[in-house]
Amino acid sequence: MKLILASSSPRRRDLLNQINVGFELREQSADESRVTITNPVKKVKALAKIKSDATEIYEGEVVLTADTVVSKDGIIYEKPENKEHAYEMIKEFSGATHHVHTACLLRSLHKEKIIVSQTDVIFYDLSDEDIESYLQTDDFSDKAGGYGIQSHGAVLVKEIQGDYNTVVGLPLAEVARALKKWQE
């Protein structure tokens, strides 16, 4: 079995490398804007699915696609458009709990399996200065919810309830176990 990672996320590559899972990168060109679902779990599953469907696959391969969605009070927080947008998101999360959902889809020519993981993230009460200091790092860009827990955004997080790697973008233990069963 040959694992194909159809993701441009360097964080997902790093996580797979962390557990010495060999993989090949393959581009996919899914139009994520087509997914207008407002339910976070349904949306993240749909995004992983359209990415998978947009990826070529051959005999003996398993394609892994993933997507991460951040939500609070039923509202989805996408990647910020700019620094001001990131500020608004982080201000919303300050002193509160938000949810990070990551869906992964494993697919071969003969079967597929979806994994959905949720982790609750609680931020410290953040002052305007705390948020501005974080935003100066430019760590917010290209990250759902406007922060990266694996980098500078770690200083914002008081605690998590669930899998840390789900927040990074790949529920690593669940994916590794699914891949092991796939080979059996």
Protein backbone atom coordinates (compact mmCIF):
# COMPACT_ATOMS: atom_id res chain seq x y z
CA MET A 1 0.00 0.00 0.00
CA LYS A 2 1.30 3.43 -0.95
CA LEU A 3 0.02 6.41 1.06
CA ILE A 4 -0.73 9.56 -0.91
CA LEU A 5 -1.12 12.79 1.05
CA ALA A 6 -3.28 15.18 -0.94
CA SER A 7 -2.69 18.26 1.20
CA SER A 8 -0.63 21.42 0.92
CA SER A 9 -0.41 21.72 4.71
CA PRO A 10 3.18 21.56 5.98
CA ARG A 11 1.76 20.70 9.41
CA ARG A 12 0.15 17.50 8.10
CA ARG A 13 3.41 16.50 6.42
CA ASP A 14 5.29 17.13 9.67
CA LEU A 15 2.84 15.02 11.67
CA LEU A 16 3.13 12.04 9.32
CA ASN A 17 6.92 12.38 9.32
CA GLN A 18 6.84 12.44 13.12
CA ILE A 19 5.64 8.82 13.15
CA ASN A 20 7.77 7.72 10.18
CA VAL A 21 4.86 7.04 7.85
CA GLY A 22 6.11 7.08 4.30
CA PHE A 23 3.96 9.04 1.88
CA GLU A 24 3.98 10.79 -1.45
CA LEU A 25 2.49 14.24 -1.97
CA ARG A 26 -0.10 14.67 -4.67
CA GLU A 27 -1.82 17.88 -5.65
CA GLN A 28 -5.57 18.17 -5.71
CA SER A 29 -7.54 21.08 -7.03
CA ALA A 30 -10.81 21.04 -5.13
CA ASP A 31 -12.96 24.15 -5.20
CA GLU A 32 -13.62 24.55 -1.47
CA SER A 33 -15.84 27.57 -2.06
CA ARG A 34 -18.53 25.18 -3.35
CA VAL A 35 -19.08 23.95 0.21
CA THR A 36 -21.44 26.41 1.86
CA ILE A 37 -22.60 24.14 4.70
CA THR A 38 -22.88 25.98 8.03
CA ASN A 39 -22.78 22.94 10.36
CA PRO A 40 -19.09 22.55 11.37
CA VAL A 41 -19.01 18.73 11.39
CA LYS A 42 -20.91 18.38 8.12
CA LYS A 43 -18.74 21.06 6.52
CA VAL A 44 -15.42 19.54 7.51
CA LYS A 45 -16.56 16.12 6.27
CA ALA A 46 -17.72 17.61 2.96
CA LEU A 47 -14.41 19.45 2.51
CA ALA A 48 -12.36 16.29 3.10
CA LYS A 49 -14.60 14.46 0.62
CA ILE A 50 -14.35 16.99 -2.22
CA LYS A 51 -10.57 17.08 -1.77
CA SER A 52 -10.47 13.30 -2.00
CA ASP A 53 -12.73 13.25 -5.06
CA ALA A 54 -10.43 15.79 -6.74
CA THR A 55 -7.36 13.57 -6.26
CA GLU A 56 -6.26 10.99 -8.80
CA ILE A 57 -5.83 7.51 -7.35
CA TYR A 58 -4.34 4.31 -8.72
CA GLU A 59 -4.36 0.64 -7.74
CA GLY A 60 -2.38 -0.01 -4.55
CA GLU A 61 -2.74 3.56 -3.27
CA VAL A 62 -4.56 5.06 -0.32
CA VAL A 63 -5.25 8.79 -0.55
CA LEU A 64 -5.42 10.84 2.64
CA THR A 65 -7.18 14.19 2.58
CA ALA A 66 -8.09 16.38 5.54
CA ASP A 67 -9.64 19.65 6.50
CA THR A 68 -9.97 21.59 9.75
CA VAL A 69 -12.81 23.88 10.80
CA VAL A 70 -12.94 26.09 13.90
CA SER A 71 -16.29 26.98 15.43
CA LYS A 72 -17.76 28.75 18.43
CA ASP A 73 -21.45 28.97 19.30
CA GLY A 74 -22.30 27.33 15.97
CA ILE A 75 -20.39 29.93 13.92
CA ILE A 76 -17.55 28.74 11.69
CA TYR A 77 -14.33 30.76 11.78
CA GLU A 78 -12.43 30.38 8.51
CA LYS A 79 -8.91 31.52 7.73
CA PRO A 80 -8.66 35.25 8.40
CA GLU A 81 -8.78 37.63 5.47
CA ASN A 82 -6.32 40.02 7.12
CA LYS A 83 -4.85 41.05 10.47
CA GLU A 84 -8.00 42.90 11.56
CA HIS A 85 -10.13 39.84 10.84
CA ALA A 86 -7.72 37.66 12.85
CA TYR A 87 -7.94 40.14 15.73
CA GLU A 88 -11.75 39.87 15.75
CA MET A 89 -11.61 36.07 15.82
CA ILE A 90 -9.08 35.86 18.62
CA LYS A 91 -11.03 38.46 20.61
CA GLU A 92 -14.11 36.19 20.25
CA PHE A 93 -12.12 33.22 21.58
CA SER A 94 -10.64 35.18 24.52
CA GLY A 95 -11.64 33.61 27.84
CA ALA A 96 -13.93 31.15 26.09
CA THR A 97 -14.10 27.66 24.62
CA HIS A 98 -14.14 27.04 20.89
CA HIS A 99 -14.16 23.79 18.95
CA VAL A 100 -11.71 22.49 16.38
CA HIS A 101 -13.00 19.78 14.04
CA THR A 102 -10.68 17.88 11.72
CA ALA A 103 -11.99 15.37 9.21
CA CYS A 104 -9.70 12.96 7.38
CA LEU A 105 -10.76 10.77 4.52
CA LEU A 106 -8.81 7.66 3.57
CA ARG A 107 -9.74 6.29 0.14
CA SER A 108 -8.53 3.54 -2.15
CA LEU A 109 -10.12 2.32 -5.36
CA HIS A 110 -12.15 -0.14 -3.31
CA LYS A 111 -13.12 1.50 -0.02
CA GLU A 112 -13.05 4.67 2.04
CA LYS A 113 -13.08 5.64 5.69
CA ILE A 114 -13.85 9.01 7.25
CA ILE A 115 -12.41 10.07 10.61
CA VAL A 116 -13.84 13.10 12.40
CA SER A 117 -12.20 14.39 15.56
CA GLN A 118 -13.21 17.31 17.77
CA THR A 119 -11.05 19.06 20.34
CA ASP A 120 -12.26 21.85 22.60
CA VAL A 121 -9.80 24.71 23.05
CA ILE A 122 -9.99 27.21 25.89
CA PHE A 123 -8.17 30.51 25.52
CA TYR A 124 -6.87 32.66 28.34
CA ASP A 125 -8.57 36.00 28.93
CA LEU A 126 -6.54 38.06 26.48
CA SER A 127 -5.88 41.77 26.65
CA ASP A 128 -5.74 43.87 23.49
CA GLU A 129 -1.97 43.98 24.00
CA ASP A 130 -1.80 40.15 24.17
CA ILE A 131 -3.67 39.87 20.89
CA GLU A 132 -1.65 42.60 19.16
CA SER A 133 1.59 40.99 20.32
CA TYR A 134 0.48 37.66 18.86
CA LEU A 135 -0.61 39.24 15.57
CA GLN A 136 2.85 40.81 15.14
CA THR A 137 4.20 37.28 14.58
CA ASP A 138 2.11 36.83 11.38
CA ASP A 139 1.37 33.32 12.69
CA PHE A 140 -2.34 33.88 12.08
CA SER A 141 -2.30 33.82 8.29
CA ASP A 142 -3.52 30.70 6.51
CA LYS A 143 -4.84 29.12 9.72
CA ALA A 144 -8.47 28.38 10.51
CA GLY A 145 -9.48 30.50 13.48
CA GLY A 146 -6.47 32.76 13.00
CA TYR A 147 -3.95 30.95 15.20
CA GLY A 148 -1.53 28.04 15.19
CA ILE A 149 -1.40 26.05 18.43
CA GLN A 150 1.88 24.43 17.33
CA SER A 151 3.66 27.76 17.04
CA HIS A 152 3.22 31.27 18.48
CA GLY A 153 -0.48 30.67 19.10
CA ALA A 154 0.43 28.29 21.92
CA VAL A 155 0.64 31.30 24.29
CA LEU A 156 -3.08 31.98 23.77
CA VAL A 157 -4.23 28.52 24.89
CA LYS A 158 -5.11 27.84 28.51
CA GLU A 159 -6.13 24.20 27.98
CA ILE A 160 -7.46 21.71 25.51
CA GLN A 161 -9.90 18.86 25.89
CA GLY A 162 -9.20 16.27 23.25
CA ASP A 163 -6.42 15.48 20.80
CA TYR A 164 -3.77 18.19 20.38
CA ASN A 165 -2.99 16.94 16.87
CA THR A 166 -6.61 17.52 15.82
CA VAL A 167 -5.98 21.22 16.43
CA VAL A 168 -2.76 21.07 14.43
CA GLY A 169 -4.72 19.54 11.55
CA LEU A 170 -4.49 15.74 11.65
CA PRO A 171 -5.74 13.39 14.41
CA LEU A 172 -2.52 11.43 14.07
CA ALA A 173 -3.19 8.43 16.34
CA GLU A 174 -6.60 7.78 14.76
CA VAL A 175 -5.16 8.04 11.25
CA ALA A 176 -2.24 5.74 12.11
CA ARG A 177 -4.61 3.13 13.56
CA ALA A 178 -6.90 3.35 10.54
CA LEU A 179 -3.93 2.89 8.19
CA LYS A 180 -2.77 -0.14 10.16
CA LYS A 181 -6.23 -1.74 9.91
CA TRP A 182 -6.33 -0.84 6.21
CA GLN A 183 -3.32 -3.10 5.60
CA GLU A 184 -4.78 -6.08 7.50
